[in-house]
């Protein structure tokens, strides 16, 4: 039950941050063009904006713990800094993030991509 509560809490945080990001992009009104989806094959909660995936995963084969991610369709080279994954960027302490911290991570990804 505790694990389910932790995952639910993580998804609530990710959802709120993605809604705020969508609102940023859509002029204050989130549109269906940037729908937030819980992907069954990965069990991550994400949206795509301007060919960049933004989301949160409760963990997978490569990440033991929940993490946030920014995944451009054409990922930049891994630089050991922000771009720390072959798919783009992840923030390993996703479950400990507040909505504001998750949103800041997503916005930083957009900024670094020139959006």
N, C-alpha and C. Protein backbone atom coordinates (compact mmCIF):
# COMPACT_ATOMS: atom_id res chain seq x y z
N UNK A 1 0.83 -1.20 0.00
CA UNK A 1 0.00 0.00 0.00
C UNK A 1 0.87 1.26 0.00
N UNK A 2 2.00 1.21 0.75
CA UNK A 2 2.86 2.39 0.81
C UNK A 2 3.48 2.68 -0.55
N UNK A 3 3.90 1.65 -1.27
CA UNK A 3 4.49 1.83 -2.60
C UNK A 3 3.46 2.43 -3.56
N UNK A 4 2.23 1.94 -3.49
CA UNK A 4 1.17 2.48 -4.35
C UNK A 4 0.92 3.95 -4.03
N UNK A 5 0.93 4.30 -2.75
CA UNK A 5 0.76 5.70 -2.35
C UNK A 5 1.90 6.57 -2.87
N UNK A 6 3.13 6.05 -2.82
CA UNK A 6 4.28 6.81 -3.30
C UNK A 6 4.21 7.04 -4.80
N UNK A 7 3.82 6.02 -5.55
CA UNK A 7 3.68 6.18 -7.00
C UNK A 7 2.56 7.15 -7.32
N UNK A 8 1.44 7.03 -6.62
CA UNK A 8 0.32 7.94 -6.84
C UNK A 8 0.73 9.37 -6.56
N UNK A 9 1.43 9.59 -5.47
CA UNK A 9 1.90 10.94 -5.12
C UNK A 9 2.84 11.48 -6.19
N UNK A 10 3.74 10.63 -6.67
CA UNK A 10 4.66 11.03 -7.75
C UNK A 10 3.88 11.45 -8.99
N UNK A 11 2.89 10.64 -9.38
CA UNK A 11 2.11 10.98 -10.58
C UNK A 11 1.28 12.25 -10.40
N UNK A 12 0.80 12.52 -9.19
CA UNK A 12 0.09 13.77 -8.93
C UNK A 12 1.03 14.96 -9.16
N UNK A 13 2.26 14.85 -8.68
CA UNK A 13 3.25 15.91 -8.87
C UNK A 13 3.58 16.09 -10.35
N UNK A 14 3.85 14.99 -11.04
CA UNK A 14 4.18 15.06 -12.46
C UNK A 14 3.02 15.65 -13.25
N UNK A 15 1.80 15.20 -12.96
CA UNK A 15 0.63 15.71 -13.67
C UNK A 15 0.48 17.22 -13.49
N UNK A 16 0.63 17.70 -12.27
CA UNK A 16 0.50 19.14 -12.01
C UNK A 16 1.58 19.93 -12.74
N UNK A 17 2.81 19.42 -12.74
CA UNK A 17 3.91 20.11 -13.44
C UNK A 17 3.67 20.11 -14.95
N UNK A 18 3.20 18.99 -15.50
CA UNK A 18 2.92 18.93 -16.93
C UNK A 18 1.76 19.84 -17.31
N UNK A 19 0.74 19.91 -16.46
CA UNK A 19 -0.38 20.84 -16.73
C UNK A 19 0.12 22.28 -16.76
N UNK A 20 1.01 22.63 -15.84
CA UNK A 20 1.56 24.00 -15.83
C UNK A 20 2.41 24.24 -17.06
N UNK A 21 3.20 23.25 -17.47
CA UNK A 21 4.02 23.39 -18.68
C UNK A 21 3.13 23.54 -19.91
N UNK A 22 2.09 22.73 -20.00
CA UNK A 22 1.14 22.86 -21.12
C UNK A 22 0.54 24.25 -21.14
N UNK A 23 0.19 24.74 -19.99
CA UNK A 23 -0.41 26.07 -19.89
C UNK A 23 0.57 27.14 -20.36
N UNK A 24 1.87 26.98 -20.00
CA UNK A 24 2.92 27.90 -20.50
C UNK A 24 2.90 27.95 -22.02
N UNK A 25 2.86 26.79 -22.63
CA UNK A 25 3.00 26.66 -24.07
C UNK A 25 1.74 27.13 -24.78
N UNK A 26 0.62 26.83 -24.22
CA UNK A 26 -0.66 27.09 -24.88
C UNK A 26 -1.27 28.43 -24.50
N UNK A 27 -0.42 29.39 -24.11
CA UNK A 27 -0.90 30.73 -23.80
C UNK A 27 -1.82 30.80 -22.60
N UNK A 28 -1.56 29.98 -21.61
CA UNK A 28 -2.36 30.03 -20.39
C UNK A 28 -3.52 29.05 -20.37
N UNK A 29 -3.78 28.40 -21.51
CA UNK A 29 -4.86 27.42 -21.58
C UNK A 29 -4.32 26.14 -22.19
N UNK A 30 -4.26 25.09 -21.40
CA UNK A 30 -3.75 23.81 -21.91
C UNK A 30 -4.74 23.26 -22.94
N UNK A 31 -4.24 22.89 -24.10
CA UNK A 31 -5.09 22.38 -25.17
C UNK A 31 -4.93 20.88 -25.33
N UNK A 32 -5.87 20.24 -26.01
CA UNK A 32 -5.75 18.80 -26.27
C UNK A 32 -4.54 18.44 -27.14
N UNK A 33 -3.96 19.42 -27.83
CA UNK A 33 -2.79 19.14 -28.67
C UNK A 33 -1.63 18.59 -27.84
N UNK A 34 -1.60 18.92 -26.59
CA UNK A 34 -0.51 18.47 -25.71
C UNK A 34 -1.08 17.61 -24.58
N UNK A 35 -1.84 16.61 -24.96
CA UNK A 35 -2.50 15.75 -23.97
C UNK A 35 -1.47 15.03 -23.10
N UNK A 36 -1.83 14.86 -21.86
CA UNK A 36 -1.01 14.09 -20.92
C UNK A 36 -1.53 12.66 -20.95
N UNK A 37 -0.61 11.72 -21.13
CA UNK A 37 -0.98 10.32 -21.29
C UNK A 37 -0.20 9.46 -20.31
N UNK A 38 -0.88 8.48 -19.73
CA UNK A 38 -0.21 7.45 -18.95
C UNK A 38 0.03 6.30 -19.93
N UNK A 39 1.28 6.13 -20.33
CA UNK A 39 1.64 5.15 -21.35
C UNK A 39 1.70 3.76 -20.72
N UNK A 40 0.87 2.83 -21.18
CA UNK A 40 0.82 1.51 -20.55
C UNK A 40 2.08 0.68 -20.73
N UNK A 41 2.80 0.86 -21.83
CA UNK A 41 3.99 0.03 -22.06
C UNK A 41 5.16 0.43 -21.19
N UNK A 42 5.19 1.68 -20.73
CA UNK A 42 6.27 2.13 -19.86
C UNK A 42 5.77 2.54 -18.47
N UNK A 43 4.46 2.74 -18.36
CA UNK A 43 3.82 3.23 -17.15
C UNK A 43 4.41 4.58 -16.73
N UNK A 44 4.67 5.43 -17.75
CA UNK A 44 5.11 6.78 -17.44
C UNK A 44 4.02 7.76 -17.85
N UNK A 45 4.00 8.90 -17.17
CA UNK A 45 3.03 9.95 -17.43
C UNK A 45 3.76 11.04 -18.19
N UNK A 46 3.27 11.38 -19.39
CA UNK A 46 4.05 12.28 -20.24
C UNK A 46 3.17 13.05 -21.22
N UNK A 47 3.77 14.09 -21.78
CA UNK A 47 3.19 14.84 -22.88
C UNK A 47 4.30 15.14 -23.88
N UNK A 48 3.92 15.47 -25.09
CA UNK A 48 4.88 15.85 -26.12
C UNK A 48 4.56 17.26 -26.56
N UNK A 49 5.59 18.11 -26.56
CA UNK A 49 5.46 19.50 -26.99
C UNK A 49 6.62 19.79 -27.92
N UNK A 50 6.31 20.22 -29.14
CA UNK A 50 7.35 20.59 -30.11
C UNK A 50 8.41 19.50 -30.26
N UNK A 51 7.96 18.27 -30.46
CA UNK A 51 8.85 17.11 -30.66
C UNK A 51 9.81 16.86 -29.50
N UNK A 52 9.31 17.13 -28.29
CA UNK A 52 10.05 16.83 -27.07
C UNK A 52 9.09 16.16 -26.10
N UNK A 53 9.49 15.02 -25.55
CA UNK A 53 8.69 14.32 -24.55
C UNK A 53 9.10 14.82 -23.16
N UNK A 54 8.10 15.16 -22.36
CA UNK A 54 8.29 15.59 -20.98
C UNK A 54 7.48 14.65 -20.11
N UNK A 55 8.08 14.12 -19.04
CA UNK A 55 7.29 13.24 -18.21
C UNK A 55 8.00 12.75 -16.98
N UNK A 56 7.35 11.75 -16.38
CA UNK A 56 7.89 11.11 -15.20
C UNK A 56 7.62 9.62 -15.26
N UNK A 57 8.61 8.86 -14.84
CA UNK A 57 8.51 7.41 -14.81
C UNK A 57 8.69 6.93 -13.37
N UNK A 58 7.91 5.91 -12.96
CA UNK A 58 8.09 5.39 -11.61
C UNK A 58 9.34 4.52 -11.46
N UNK A 59 10.09 4.36 -12.54
CA UNK A 59 11.30 3.54 -12.55
C UNK A 59 11.21 2.54 -13.67
N UNK A 60 12.37 2.02 -14.07
CA UNK A 60 12.42 1.04 -15.15
C UNK A 60 13.72 0.25 -15.02
N UNK A 61 14.05 -0.50 -16.05
CA UNK A 61 15.24 -1.35 -16.01
C UNK A 61 16.52 -0.57 -15.79
N UNK A 62 16.55 0.69 -16.25
CA UNK A 62 17.75 1.51 -16.12
C UNK A 62 17.71 2.47 -14.93
N UNK A 63 16.57 2.61 -14.29
CA UNK A 63 16.39 3.56 -13.19
C UNK A 63 15.58 2.88 -12.08
N UNK A 64 16.21 2.66 -10.95
CA UNK A 64 15.54 1.99 -9.83
C UNK A 64 14.39 2.80 -9.25
N UNK A 65 14.54 4.08 -9.25
CA UNK A 65 13.60 4.96 -8.56
C UNK A 65 12.87 5.86 -9.56
N UNK A 66 11.79 6.49 -9.13
CA UNK A 66 11.08 7.42 -10.01
C UNK A 66 12.01 8.53 -10.49
N UNK A 67 11.77 8.96 -11.74
CA UNK A 67 12.57 10.04 -12.31
C UNK A 67 11.75 10.87 -13.27
N UNK A 68 12.16 12.10 -13.41
CA UNK A 68 11.60 13.02 -14.41
C UNK A 68 12.47 12.95 -15.64
N UNK A 69 11.89 13.28 -16.80
CA UNK A 69 12.71 13.28 -18.00
C UNK A 69 12.26 14.32 -19.03
N UNK A 70 13.23 14.71 -19.84
CA UNK A 70 13.02 15.54 -21.03
C UNK A 70 13.69 14.77 -22.16
N UNK A 71 12.90 14.37 -23.14
CA UNK A 71 13.42 13.54 -24.22
C UNK A 71 13.13 14.11 -25.58
N UNK A 72 14.03 14.94 -26.11
CA UNK A 72 13.82 15.45 -27.46
C UNK A 72 13.86 14.30 -28.47
N UNK A 73 13.05 14.41 -29.52
CA UNK A 73 13.01 13.34 -30.52
C UNK A 73 14.38 13.14 -31.16
N UNK A 74 15.16 14.21 -31.26
CA UNK A 74 16.56 14.11 -31.71
C UNK A 74 17.42 14.55 -30.53
N UNK A 75 17.75 13.62 -29.64
CA UNK A 75 18.45 14.00 -28.40
C UNK A 75 19.81 14.64 -28.65
N UNK A 76 20.14 15.64 -27.85
CA UNK A 76 21.49 16.22 -27.91
C UNK A 76 22.49 15.22 -27.36
N UNK A 77 23.77 15.40 -27.65
CA UNK A 77 24.77 14.48 -27.11
C UNK A 77 24.82 14.56 -25.58
N UNK A 78 25.08 13.42 -24.97
CA UNK A 78 25.24 13.37 -23.51
C UNK A 78 26.43 14.26 -23.15
N UNK A 79 26.21 15.19 -22.21
CA UNK A 79 27.29 16.10 -21.83
C UNK A 79 27.71 15.95 -20.37
N UNK A 80 27.07 15.02 -19.68
CA UNK A 80 27.39 14.82 -18.27
C UNK A 80 26.76 15.85 -17.36
N UNK A 81 26.14 16.85 -17.94
CA UNK A 81 25.45 17.87 -17.17
C UNK A 81 23.96 17.65 -17.28
N UNK A 82 23.26 18.62 -17.84
CA UNK A 82 21.81 18.49 -17.98
C UNK A 82 21.47 17.29 -18.86
N UNK A 83 22.15 17.17 -19.99
CA UNK A 83 21.88 16.06 -20.92
C UNK A 83 22.68 14.84 -20.46
N UNK A 84 22.09 14.05 -19.61
CA UNK A 84 22.80 12.96 -18.95
C UNK A 84 22.32 11.57 -19.36
N UNK A 85 21.47 11.49 -20.37
CA UNK A 85 20.92 10.22 -20.83
C UNK A 85 21.03 10.13 -22.34
N UNK A 86 21.04 8.92 -22.87
CA UNK A 86 21.07 8.76 -24.32
C UNK A 86 19.82 9.33 -24.98
N UNK A 87 18.72 9.39 -24.23
CA UNK A 87 17.46 9.93 -24.78
C UNK A 87 17.28 11.41 -24.49
N UNK A 88 18.15 12.02 -23.70
CA UNK A 88 18.02 13.43 -23.34
C UNK A 88 18.47 13.69 -21.92
N UNK A 89 17.52 13.97 -21.03
CA UNK A 89 17.87 14.31 -19.65
C UNK A 89 16.92 13.64 -18.67
N UNK A 90 17.48 13.27 -17.52
CA UNK A 90 16.64 12.75 -16.44
C UNK A 90 17.06 13.41 -15.13
N UNK A 91 16.13 13.42 -14.22
CA UNK A 91 16.39 13.89 -12.86
C UNK A 91 16.01 12.75 -11.94
N UNK A 92 16.99 12.15 -11.35
CA UNK A 92 16.82 10.90 -10.62
C UNK A 92 15.96 11.00 -9.37
N UNK A 93 15.89 12.15 -8.77
CA UNK A 93 15.15 12.28 -7.51
C UNK A 93 13.71 12.72 -7.75
N UNK A 94 13.12 12.21 -8.80
CA UNK A 94 11.78 12.64 -9.19
C UNK A 94 10.73 12.53 -8.10
N UNK A 95 10.76 11.47 -7.33
CA UNK A 95 9.74 11.28 -6.30
C UNK A 95 9.86 12.32 -5.19
N UNK A 96 11.04 12.90 -5.03
CA UNK A 96 11.24 13.91 -3.98
C UNK A 96 10.95 15.32 -4.48
N UNK A 97 10.67 15.45 -5.77
CA UNK A 97 10.46 16.78 -6.36
C UNK A 97 9.10 17.34 -6.02
N UNK A 98 9.08 18.65 -5.84
CA UNK A 98 7.82 19.36 -5.72
C UNK A 98 7.32 19.68 -7.13
N UNK A 99 6.10 20.13 -7.23
CA UNK A 99 5.58 20.56 -8.53
C UNK A 99 6.46 21.66 -9.10
N UNK A 100 6.86 22.62 -8.28
CA UNK A 100 7.70 23.73 -8.75
C UNK A 100 9.05 23.23 -9.26
N UNK A 101 9.64 22.26 -8.56
CA UNK A 101 10.94 21.71 -8.99
C UNK A 101 10.80 20.92 -10.29
N UNK A 102 9.76 20.13 -10.40
CA UNK A 102 9.54 19.37 -11.63
C UNK A 102 9.30 20.32 -12.81
N UNK A 103 8.48 21.33 -12.59
CA UNK A 103 8.22 22.32 -13.64
C UNK A 103 9.50 23.04 -14.04
N UNK A 104 10.32 23.40 -13.08
CA UNK A 104 11.60 24.07 -13.38
C UNK A 104 12.49 23.17 -14.23
N UNK A 105 12.52 21.88 -13.94
CA UNK A 105 13.30 20.93 -14.73
C UNK A 105 12.78 20.88 -16.17
N UNK A 106 11.46 20.77 -16.34
CA UNK A 106 10.88 20.74 -17.69
C UNK A 106 11.16 22.05 -18.43
N UNK A 107 11.00 23.18 -17.75
CA UNK A 107 11.27 24.47 -18.38
C UNK A 107 12.75 24.61 -18.77
N UNK A 108 13.64 24.10 -17.93
CA UNK A 108 15.08 24.16 -18.25
C UNK A 108 15.37 23.35 -19.51
N UNK A 109 14.72 22.21 -19.65
CA UNK A 109 14.89 21.43 -20.87
C UNK A 109 14.44 22.21 -22.09
N UNK A 110 13.30 22.86 -22.00
CA UNK A 110 12.81 23.68 -23.13
C UNK A 110 13.79 24.82 -23.41
N UNK A 111 14.27 25.46 -22.36
CA UNK A 111 15.20 26.58 -22.55
C UNK A 111 16.47 26.10 -23.26
N UNK A 112 17.00 24.98 -22.81
CA UNK A 112 18.25 24.47 -23.41
C UNK A 112 18.06 24.02 -24.86
N UNK A 113 16.82 23.72 -25.21
CA UNK A 113 16.52 23.33 -26.60
C UNK A 113 16.15 24.55 -27.46
N UNK A 114 16.20 25.72 -26.85
CA UNK A 114 15.92 26.95 -27.61
C UNK A 114 14.44 27.24 -27.79
N UNK A 115 13.59 26.65 -26.96
CA UNK A 115 12.15 26.90 -27.08
C UNK A 115 11.71 27.99 -26.13
